[in-house]
């Protein structure tokens, strides 16, 4: 009786969910995904198998892996391909490419600004704090903050230090 009841419950559950234990999974079509959408070479993922998402050039998959269990893919039923970013261009004093990571930054990646010798990067933030970020972050084709600027490096004497020129002048003005 217990076996019959368990089999009946499993059958009901499978008909509601639309999958049976041990079923393979099909990766749903998604924009900017490669064909086939998995590095493993197919859109059909066997039960217990994995799909390593593959996107078209210029896009990066949000998911690192999709796993198939009983006909259900997780963490998602499709691949989400997000647009990569292009390093800022035509910036005065910046090197080419302007990011240490290269001309193209993958989704979620960082752009570390590169300036010509004698120049330092300055990243502007649209916040009350103003300056502060060390890198720009790529989010679906947009860098945040959007850009940076290169300004001349200024070597200022820290406050509280004595003036070396005055010390040298004083040292040479003593009579013998």
N, C-alpha and C. Protein backbone atom coordinates (compact mmCIF):
# COMPACT_ATOMS: atom_id res chain seq x y z
N UNK A 1 0.81 -1.20 0.00
CA UNK A 1 0.00 0.00 0.00
C UNK A 1 0.85 1.26 0.00
N UNK A 2 1.91 1.26 0.84
CA UNK A 2 2.77 2.43 0.90
C UNK A 2 3.43 2.70 -0.44
N UNK A 3 3.90 1.64 -1.09
CA UNK A 3 4.55 1.78 -2.39
C UNK A 3 3.58 2.34 -3.42
N UNK A 4 2.39 1.85 -3.41
CA UNK A 4 1.38 2.33 -4.37
C UNK A 4 1.09 3.80 -4.11
N UNK A 5 0.95 4.19 -2.85
CA UNK A 5 0.68 5.57 -2.49
C UNK A 5 1.85 6.46 -2.91
N UNK A 6 3.08 6.03 -2.63
CA UNK A 6 4.26 6.79 -3.01
C UNK A 6 4.35 6.93 -4.52
N UNK A 7 4.11 5.88 -5.25
CA UNK A 7 4.14 5.93 -6.72
C UNK A 7 3.08 6.89 -7.23
N UNK A 8 1.90 6.83 -6.63
CA UNK A 8 0.81 7.72 -7.06
C UNK A 8 1.18 9.18 -6.79
N UNK A 9 1.75 9.48 -5.60
CA UNK A 9 2.16 10.85 -5.27
C UNK A 9 3.25 11.33 -6.24
N UNK A 10 4.22 10.51 -6.53
CA UNK A 10 5.29 10.86 -7.45
C UNK A 10 4.74 11.13 -8.85
N UNK A 11 3.81 10.31 -9.29
CA UNK A 11 3.18 10.50 -10.60
C UNK A 11 2.40 11.81 -10.63
N UNK A 12 1.66 12.12 -9.58
CA UNK A 12 0.91 13.37 -9.52
C UNK A 12 1.86 14.56 -9.53
N UNK A 13 2.91 14.49 -8.71
CA UNK A 13 3.87 15.59 -8.64
C UNK A 13 4.51 15.83 -10.00
N UNK A 14 4.89 14.76 -10.68
CA UNK A 14 5.54 14.87 -11.98
C UNK A 14 4.59 15.46 -13.02
N UNK A 15 3.32 15.13 -12.96
CA UNK A 15 2.39 15.68 -13.94
C UNK A 15 2.14 17.16 -13.68
N UNK A 16 2.20 17.59 -12.41
CA UNK A 16 2.03 19.02 -12.10
C UNK A 16 3.27 19.79 -12.54
N UNK A 17 4.45 19.30 -12.20
CA UNK A 17 5.70 19.96 -12.52
C UNK A 17 6.05 19.81 -13.99
N UNK A 18 5.66 18.76 -14.59
CA UNK A 18 5.94 18.53 -16.01
C UNK A 18 7.24 17.80 -16.25
N UNK A 19 7.82 17.23 -15.23
CA UNK A 19 9.08 16.50 -15.39
C UNK A 19 9.02 15.23 -14.56
N UNK A 20 9.73 14.26 -15.01
CA UNK A 20 9.79 12.99 -14.28
C UNK A 20 11.18 12.82 -13.71
N UNK A 21 11.31 12.08 -12.64
CA UNK A 21 12.64 11.83 -12.08
C UNK A 21 13.55 11.25 -13.16
N UNK A 22 14.73 11.84 -13.28
CA UNK A 22 15.70 11.33 -14.24
C UNK A 22 15.59 11.97 -15.61
N UNK A 23 14.63 12.89 -15.81
CA UNK A 23 14.49 13.56 -17.11
C UNK A 23 15.68 14.47 -17.39
N UNK A 24 15.99 14.59 -18.69
CA UNK A 24 17.00 15.55 -19.12
C UNK A 24 16.40 16.94 -19.12
N UNK A 25 17.24 17.95 -19.28
CA UNK A 25 16.79 19.35 -19.30
C UNK A 25 17.15 19.99 -20.63
N UNK A 26 16.32 20.90 -21.07
CA UNK A 26 16.59 21.67 -22.28
C UNK A 26 16.81 23.12 -21.87
N UNK A 27 17.95 23.68 -22.30
CA UNK A 27 18.25 25.08 -22.01
C UNK A 27 17.37 25.94 -22.91
N UNK A 28 16.61 26.84 -22.30
CA UNK A 28 15.69 27.71 -23.05
C UNK A 28 16.48 28.66 -23.95
N UNK A 29 15.89 28.99 -25.11
CA UNK A 29 16.51 29.96 -26.01
C UNK A 29 16.63 31.30 -25.29
N UNK A 30 17.75 31.95 -25.44
CA UNK A 30 17.92 33.27 -24.85
C UNK A 30 18.74 34.14 -25.78
N UNK A 31 18.46 35.43 -25.73
CA UNK A 31 19.15 36.34 -26.63
C UNK A 31 20.63 36.42 -26.27
N UNK A 32 21.45 36.51 -27.26
CA UNK A 32 22.90 36.64 -27.17
C UNK A 32 23.62 35.39 -26.67
N UNK A 33 22.88 34.28 -26.55
CA UNK A 33 23.53 33.00 -26.22
C UNK A 33 24.01 32.38 -27.52
N UNK A 34 25.08 31.64 -27.42
CA UNK A 34 25.66 30.95 -28.57
C UNK A 34 24.77 29.77 -28.97
N UNK A 35 25.02 29.23 -30.14
CA UNK A 35 24.35 28.00 -30.57
C UNK A 35 25.45 26.98 -30.85
N UNK A 36 25.53 25.92 -30.10
CA UNK A 36 24.71 25.55 -28.94
C UNK A 36 25.02 26.46 -27.74
N UNK A 37 24.10 26.54 -26.78
CA UNK A 37 24.27 27.47 -25.66
C UNK A 37 25.20 26.97 -24.55
N UNK A 38 25.66 25.73 -24.65
CA UNK A 38 26.53 25.16 -23.61
C UNK A 38 27.89 24.79 -24.19
N UNK A 39 28.94 25.04 -23.45
CA UNK A 39 30.29 24.65 -23.86
C UNK A 39 30.34 23.16 -24.14
N UNK A 40 29.52 22.39 -23.42
CA UNK A 40 29.51 20.94 -23.57
C UNK A 40 28.96 20.49 -24.93
N UNK A 41 28.38 21.42 -25.71
CA UNK A 41 28.03 21.12 -27.09
C UNK A 41 26.57 20.85 -27.40
N UNK A 42 25.65 21.13 -26.50
CA UNK A 42 24.24 20.84 -26.77
C UNK A 42 23.36 21.74 -25.92
N UNK A 43 22.09 21.87 -26.34
CA UNK A 43 21.13 22.57 -25.48
C UNK A 43 20.41 21.58 -24.58
N UNK A 44 20.66 20.29 -24.80
CA UNK A 44 20.08 19.24 -23.98
C UNK A 44 21.10 18.81 -22.92
N UNK A 45 20.72 18.95 -21.65
CA UNK A 45 21.60 18.62 -20.54
C UNK A 45 21.07 17.35 -19.88
N UNK A 46 21.88 16.31 -19.78
CA UNK A 46 21.40 15.06 -19.18
C UNK A 46 21.12 15.22 -17.69
N UNK A 47 20.20 14.40 -17.20
CA UNK A 47 19.90 14.38 -15.76
C UNK A 47 21.21 14.20 -14.99
N UNK A 48 21.45 15.08 -14.00
CA UNK A 48 22.69 15.01 -13.23
C UNK A 48 23.85 15.73 -13.90
N UNK A 49 23.63 16.24 -15.11
CA UNK A 49 24.70 16.91 -15.85
C UNK A 49 24.72 18.41 -15.64
N UNK A 50 25.68 19.05 -16.26
CA UNK A 50 25.86 20.50 -16.15
C UNK A 50 26.00 21.12 -17.52
N UNK A 51 25.64 22.38 -17.58
CA UNK A 51 25.84 23.21 -18.77
C UNK A 51 26.70 24.38 -18.37
N UNK A 52 27.81 24.57 -19.08
CA UNK A 52 28.62 25.76 -18.89
C UNK A 52 28.16 26.75 -19.95
N UNK A 53 27.46 27.83 -19.56
CA UNK A 53 26.88 28.76 -20.52
C UNK A 53 27.91 29.36 -21.48
N UNK A 54 27.48 29.52 -22.72
CA UNK A 54 28.32 30.07 -23.77
C UNK A 54 27.56 31.20 -24.45
N UNK A 55 28.14 32.38 -24.48
CA UNK A 55 27.49 33.56 -25.07
C UNK A 55 28.20 33.97 -26.35
N UNK A 56 27.51 34.80 -27.14
CA UNK A 56 28.12 35.36 -28.34
C UNK A 56 29.27 36.28 -27.94
N UNK A 57 30.16 36.56 -28.89
CA UNK A 57 31.27 37.46 -28.62
C UNK A 57 30.74 38.82 -28.18
N UNK A 58 31.38 39.41 -27.17
CA UNK A 58 30.94 40.70 -26.65
C UNK A 58 29.96 40.58 -25.50
N UNK A 59 29.65 39.34 -25.10
CA UNK A 59 28.72 39.09 -24.00
C UNK A 59 29.33 38.08 -23.04
N UNK A 60 28.93 38.15 -21.79
CA UNK A 60 29.40 37.23 -20.75
C UNK A 60 28.20 36.65 -20.04
N UNK A 61 28.23 35.35 -19.77
CA UNK A 61 27.12 34.69 -19.08
C UNK A 61 27.10 35.09 -17.61
N UNK A 62 25.92 35.39 -17.12
CA UNK A 62 25.73 35.72 -15.71
C UNK A 62 25.91 34.46 -14.85
N UNK A 63 25.37 33.34 -15.32
CA UNK A 63 25.48 32.08 -14.59
C UNK A 63 26.80 31.40 -14.93
N UNK A 64 27.46 30.84 -13.95
CA UNK A 64 28.70 30.10 -14.21
C UNK A 64 28.40 28.69 -14.69
N UNK A 65 27.37 28.07 -14.13
CA UNK A 65 26.96 26.70 -14.49
C UNK A 65 25.46 26.56 -14.28
N UNK A 66 24.85 25.71 -15.11
CA UNK A 66 23.47 25.30 -14.91
C UNK A 66 23.50 23.81 -14.64
N UNK A 67 22.76 23.36 -13.64
CA UNK A 67 22.71 21.94 -13.29
C UNK A 67 21.33 21.39 -13.57
N UNK A 68 21.27 20.16 -14.07
CA UNK A 68 20.00 19.49 -14.39
C UNK A 68 19.72 18.42 -13.35
N UNK A 69 18.51 18.49 -12.78
CA UNK A 69 18.07 17.47 -11.84
C UNK A 69 16.59 17.23 -12.07
N UNK A 70 16.25 16.03 -12.45
CA UNK A 70 14.85 15.64 -12.68
C UNK A 70 14.11 16.59 -13.64
N UNK A 71 14.77 16.97 -14.72
CA UNK A 71 14.12 17.79 -15.74
C UNK A 71 14.08 19.27 -15.43
N UNK A 72 14.69 19.70 -14.34
CA UNK A 72 14.70 21.12 -13.95
C UNK A 72 16.13 21.64 -13.93
N UNK A 73 16.35 22.77 -14.63
CA UNK A 73 17.65 23.42 -14.59
C UNK A 73 17.70 24.38 -13.41
N UNK A 74 18.86 24.48 -12.78
CA UNK A 74 19.01 25.48 -11.73
C UNK A 74 20.43 26.05 -11.81
N UNK A 75 20.66 27.29 -11.48
CA UNK A 75 19.72 28.19 -10.82
C UNK A 75 18.71 28.85 -11.75
N UNK A 76 18.76 28.59 -13.04
CA UNK A 76 17.86 29.24 -13.99
C UNK A 76 17.58 28.28 -15.15
N UNK A 77 16.46 28.48 -15.83
CA UNK A 77 16.14 27.61 -16.97
C UNK A 77 16.74 28.12 -18.27
N UNK A 78 17.32 29.33 -18.24
CA UNK A 78 17.94 29.88 -19.44
C UNK A 78 19.25 30.57 -19.08
N UNK A 79 19.99 30.90 -20.11
CA UNK A 79 21.28 31.58 -19.93
C UNK A 79 21.04 33.07 -20.08
N UNK A 80 21.62 33.85 -19.20
CA UNK A 80 21.52 35.31 -19.27
C UNK A 80 22.87 35.86 -19.72
N UNK A 81 22.92 36.33 -20.96
CA UNK A 81 24.16 36.87 -21.52
C UNK A 81 24.11 38.39 -21.43
N UNK A 82 25.03 38.96 -20.68
CA UNK A 82 25.06 40.40 -20.46
C UNK A 82 26.20 41.02 -21.27
N UNK A 83 25.95 42.21 -21.78
CA UNK A 83 26.91 42.90 -22.65
C UNK A 83 28.18 43.28 -21.90
N UNK A 84 29.34 43.05 -22.54
CA UNK A 84 30.62 43.47 -21.99
C UNK A 84 30.77 44.98 -22.18
N UNK A 85 31.78 45.57 -21.56
CA UNK A 85 32.03 47.01 -21.65
C UNK A 85 33.28 47.28 -22.48
N UNK A 86 33.34 48.48 -23.04
CA UNK A 86 34.50 48.94 -23.78
C UNK A 86 35.24 49.94 -22.90
N UNK A 87 36.56 49.85 -22.86
CA UNK A 87 37.35 50.80 -22.08
C UNK A 87 37.11 52.21 -22.59
N UNK A 88 37.08 53.22 -21.70
CA UNK A 88 36.90 54.60 -22.14
C UNK A 88 37.96 54.98 -23.17
N UNK A 89 37.55 55.77 -24.15
CA UNK A 89 38.45 56.16 -25.25
C UNK A 89 38.60 57.68 -25.30
N UNK A 90 39.69 58.12 -25.98
CA UNK A 90 39.96 59.54 -26.23
C UNK A 90 40.02 60.37 -24.96
N UNK A 91 40.68 59.83 -23.94
CA UNK A 91 40.84 60.57 -22.69
C UNK A 91 42.23 61.23 -22.68
N UNK A 92 42.29 62.50 -22.43
CA UNK A 92 43.55 63.22 -22.38
C UNK A 92 44.42 62.65 -21.26
N UNK A 93 45.63 62.26 -21.60
CA UNK A 93 46.57 61.75 -20.62
C UNK A 93 46.44 60.27 -20.32
N UNK A 94 45.45 59.59 -20.91
CA UNK A 94 45.27 58.15 -20.65
C UNK A 94 46.02 57.33 -21.68
N UNK A 95 46.47 56.15 -21.29
CA UNK A 95 47.10 55.23 -22.22
C UNK A 95 46.02 54.52 -23.04
N UNK A 96 46.45 53.83 -24.10
CA UNK A 96 45.51 53.07 -24.93
C UNK A 96 45.94 51.61 -24.88
N UNK A 97 45.08 50.70 -24.44
CA UNK A 97 43.75 50.95 -23.89
C UNK A 97 43.85 51.63 -22.52
N UNK A 98 42.76 52.28 -22.13
CA UNK A 98 42.79 53.07 -20.90
C UNK A 98 42.57 52.23 -19.63
N UNK A 99 42.28 50.94 -19.80
CA UNK A 99 42.11 50.04 -18.65
C UNK A 99 43.26 49.05 -18.61
N UNK A 100 43.79 48.80 -17.43
CA UNK A 100 44.88 47.83 -17.28
C UNK A 100 44.45 46.44 -17.75
N UNK A 101 43.14 46.15 -17.67
CA UNK A 101 42.61 44.83 -18.04
C UNK A 101 42.43 44.67 -19.55
N UNK A 102 42.57 45.74 -20.32
CA UNK A 102 42.45 45.66 -21.77
C UNK A 102 41.34 46.55 -22.32
N UNK A 103 41.11 46.43 -23.63
CA UNK A 103 40.12 47.27 -24.31
C UNK A 103 38.68 46.84 -24.03
N UNK A 104 38.48 45.55 -23.67
CA UNK A 104 37.13 45.06 -23.38
C UNK A 104 37.10 44.50 -21.97
N UNK A 105 36.08 44.88 -21.24
CA UNK A 105 35.91 44.46 -19.85
C UNK A 105 34.68 43.56 -19.78
N UNK A 106 34.83 42.31 -19.28
CA UNK A 106 33.66 41.43 -19.21
C UNK A 106 32.65 41.90 -18.16
N UNK A 107 31.42 41.49 -18.33
CA UNK A 107 30.36 41.78 -17.37
C UNK A 107 30.83 41.45 -15.96
N UNK A 108 30.67 42.40 -15.04
CA UNK A 108 31.07 42.21 -13.65
C UNK A 108 32.54 42.47 -13.41
N UNK A 109 33.31 42.71 -14.49
CA UNK A 109 34.75 42.94 -14.35
C UNK A 109 35.09 44.38 -13.99
N UNK A 110 36.35 44.59 -13.69
CA UNK A 110 36.84 45.92 -13.31
C UNK A 110 37.72 46.51 -14.39
N UNK A 111 37.68 47.83 -14.48
CA UNK A 111 38.60 48.61 -15.31
C UNK A 111 39.47 49.42 -14.37
N UNK A 112 40.76 49.08 -14.33
CA UNK A 112 41.70 49.86 -13.51
C UNK A 112 42.31 50.91 -14.43
N UNK A 113 42.05 52.20 -14.19
CA UNK A 113 42.52 53.26 -15.09
C UNK A 113 44.04 53.29 -15.25
N UNK A 114 44.48 53.56 -16.49
CA UNK A 114 45.91 53.68 -16.81
C UNK A 114 46.16 55.06 -17.41
N UNK A 115 47.08 55.80 -16.82
CA UNK A 115 47.44 57.12 -17.32
C UNK A 115 48.90 57.13 -17.76
N UNK A 116 49.25 58.14 -18.57
CA UNK A 116 50.62 58.32 -19.02
C UNK A 116 51.52 58.62 -17.82
N UNK A 117 52.84 58.38 -17.96
CA UNK A 117 53.75 58.70 -16.86
C UNK A 117 53.61 60.18 -16.46
N UNK A 118 53.64 60.42 -15.16
CA UNK A 118 53.50 61.78 -14.65
C UNK A 118 52.04 62.19 -14.43
N UNK A 119 51.12 61.28 -14.79
CA UNK A 119 49.69 61.55 -14.62
C UNK A 119 49.11 60.50 -13.67
N UNK A 120 48.05 60.87 -12.97
CA UNK A 120 47.36 59.94 -12.07
C UNK A 120 45.87 59.95 -12.40
N UNK A 121 45.22 58.77 -12.28
CA UNK A 121 43.79 58.71 -12.56
C UNK A 121 42.96 59.32 -11.44
N UNK A 122 41.86 59.90 -11.84
CA UNK A 122 40.91 60.46 -10.89
C UNK A 122 39.53 59.98 -11.33
N UNK A 123 38.87 59.22 -10.47
CA UNK A 123 37.55 58.69 -10.79
C UNK A 123 36.51 59.54 -10.08
N UNK A 124 35.62 60.09 -10.86
CA UNK A 124 34.56 60.92 -10.30
C UNK A 124 33.35 60.06 -10.01
N UNK A 125 32.78 60.23 -8.86
CA UNK A 125 31.56 59.53 -8.48
C UNK A 125 30.44 60.54 -8.37
N UNK A 126 29.27 60.13 -8.79
CA UNK A 126 28.10 60.98 -8.63
C UNK A 126 27.51 60.74 -7.24
N UNK A 127 28.23 61.21 -6.25
CA UNK A 127 27.78 61.03 -4.87
C UNK A 127 28.30 62.19 -4.05
N UNK A 128 27.75 62.40 -2.87
CA UNK A 128 28.24 63.49 -2.03
C UNK A 128 29.71 63.33 -1.69
N UNK A 129 30.20 62.09 -1.65
CA UNK A 129 31.60 61.86 -1.30
C UNK A 129 32.54 62.31 -2.40
N UNK A 130 32.08 62.36 -3.65
CA UNK A 130 32.92 62.79 -4.76
C UNK A 130 33.89 61.72 -5.21
N UNK A 131 35.16 61.85 -4.85
CA UNK A 131 36.19 60.92 -5.28
C UNK A 131 36.23 59.70 -4.37
N UNK A 132 36.90 58.65 -4.82
CA UNK A 132 37.09 57.54 -3.91
C UNK A 132 37.25 56.18 -4.55
N UNK A 133 36.61 55.89 -5.67
CA UNK A 133 36.69 54.56 -6.26
C UNK A 133 38.06 54.34 -6.88
N UNK A 134 38.54 53.10 -6.84
CA UNK A 134 39.83 52.76 -7.43
C UNK A 134 39.67 52.16 -8.82
N UNK A 135 38.44 51.77 -9.19
CA UNK A 135 38.21 51.13 -10.48
C UNK A 135 36.78 51.39 -10.94
N UNK A 136 36.56 51.17 -12.24
CA UNK A 136 35.22 51.25 -12.80
C UNK A 136 34.71 49.82 -12.94
N UNK A 137 33.43 49.58 -12.73
CA UNK A 137 32.85 48.24 -12.78
C UNK A 137 31.90 48.14 -13.98
N UNK A 138 31.97 47.02 -14.72
CA UNK A 138 31.12 46.80 -15.88
C UNK A 138 29.81 46.15 -15.45
N UNK A 139 28.68 46.78 -15.78
CA UNK A 139 27.34 46.26 -15.50
C UNK A 139 26.51 46.34 -16.77
N UNK A 140 26.34 45.19 -17.43
CA UNK A 140 25.55 45.07 -18.66
C UNK A 140 25.85 46.16 -19.69
N UNK A 141 27.11 46.28 -20.04
CA UNK A 141 27.53 47.18 -21.11
C UNK A 141 27.83 48.60 -20.68
N UNK A 142 27.68 48.93 -19.40
CA UNK A 142 27.93 50.28 -18.91
C UNK A 142 28.95 50.24 -17.78
N UNK A 143 29.98 51.09 -17.88
CA UNK A 143 30.94 51.20 -16.78
C UNK A 143 30.35 52.12 -15.71
N UNK A 144 30.65 51.80 -14.46
CA UNK A 144 30.17 52.63 -13.37
C UNK A 144 31.32 52.87 -12.40
N UNK A 145 31.67 54.14 -12.20
CA UNK A 145 31.28 55.33 -12.94
C UNK A 145 31.65 55.19 -14.42
N UNK A 146 31.09 56.03 -15.26
CA UNK A 146 31.21 55.90 -16.71
C UNK A 146 32.63 56.13 -17.22
N UNK A 147 33.40 56.98 -16.56
CA UNK A 147 34.72 57.31 -17.07
C UNK A 147 35.62 57.80 -15.94
N UNK A 148 36.81 58.23 -16.31
CA UNK A 148 37.77 58.80 -15.37
C UNK A 148 38.56 59.87 -16.11
N UNK A 149 39.38 60.61 -15.39
CA UNK A 149 40.27 61.57 -16.06
C UNK A 149 41.67 61.40 -15.50
N UNK A 150 42.64 61.81 -16.28
CA UNK A 150 44.03 61.78 -15.85
C UNK A 150 44.47 63.20 -15.57
N UNK A 151 45.07 63.40 -14.44
CA UNK A 151 45.55 64.74 -14.07
C UNK A 151 47.03 64.63 -13.72
N UNK A 152 47.74 65.76 -13.84
CA UNK A 152 49.17 65.73 -13.50
C UNK A 152 49.38 65.35 -12.03
N UNK A 153 50.41 64.55 -11.79
CA UNK A 153 50.75 64.17 -10.43
C UNK A 153 51.42 65.36 -9.76
N UNK A 154 50.94 65.73 -8.59
CA UNK A 154 51.53 66.84 -7.84
C UNK A 154 52.17 66.29 -6.58
N UNK A 155 53.45 66.58 -6.44
CA UNK A 155 54.16 66.14 -5.25
C UNK A 155 54.24 67.34 -4.31
N UNK A 156 53.37 67.35 -3.33
CA UNK A 156 53.34 68.46 -2.37
C UNK A 156 54.03 68.05 -1.08
N UNK A 157 54.62 69.04 -0.45
CA UNK A 157 55.25 68.79 0.84
C UNK A 157 54.15 68.57 1.87
N UNK A 158 54.23 67.46 2.60
CA UNK A 158 53.21 67.22 3.63
C UNK A 158 53.23 68.32 4.69
N UNK A 159 52.06 68.69 5.21
CA UNK A 159 52.02 69.73 6.24
C UNK A 159 52.78 69.28 7.49
N UNK A 160 53.43 70.25 8.16
CA UNK A 160 54.15 69.93 9.39
C UNK A 160 55.62 69.64 9.18
N UNK A 161 56.06 69.47 7.93
CA UNK A 161 57.48 69.25 7.68
C UNK A 161 58.16 70.59 7.48
N UNK A 162 59.39 70.70 7.93
CA UNK A 162 60.11 71.96 7.77
C UNK A 162 60.57 72.13 6.33
N UNK A 163 60.89 73.36 5.99
CA UNK A 163 61.31 73.72 4.63
C UNK A 163 62.79 73.40 4.48
N UNK A 164 63.13 72.45 3.61
CA UNK A 164 64.52 72.04 3.42
C UNK A 164 65.39 73.16 2.88
N UNK A 165 64.84 74.03 2.03
CA UNK A 165 65.62 75.15 1.50
C UNK A 165 66.05 76.08 2.63
N UNK A 166 65.16 76.33 3.60
CA UNK A 166 65.49 77.20 4.73
C UNK A 166 66.56 76.57 5.60
N UNK A 167 66.53 75.26 5.77
CA UNK A 167 67.54 74.57 6.57
C UNK A 167 68.90 74.67 5.89
N UNK A 168 68.94 74.46 4.56
CA UNK A 168 70.21 74.56 3.82
C UNK A 168 70.75 75.97 3.90
N UNK A 169 69.89 76.98 3.77
CA UNK A 169 70.31 78.38 3.83
C UNK A 169 70.89 78.67 5.20
N UNK A 170 70.23 78.21 6.26
CA UNK A 170 70.71 78.44 7.62
C UNK A 170 72.06 77.74 7.83
N UNK A 171 72.25 76.57 7.29
CA UNK A 171 73.48 75.82 7.48
C UNK A 171 74.65 76.49 6.79
N UNK A 172 74.43 77.17 5.68
CA UNK A 172 75.53 77.81 4.95
C UNK A 172 75.82 79.22 5.45
N UNK A 173 74.96 79.77 6.32
CA UNK A 173 75.17 81.16 6.74
C UNK A 173 75.91 81.28 8.08
N UNK A 174 76.37 80.15 8.66
CA UNK A 174 77.11 80.22 9.91
C UNK A 174 78.55 80.68 9.64
N UNK A 175 79.07 81.61 10.45
CA UNK A 175 80.46 82.01 10.25
C UNK A 175 81.42 80.90 10.70
N UNK A 176 82.60 80.90 10.14
CA UNK A 176 83.57 79.84 10.46
C UNK A 176 84.34 80.15 11.70
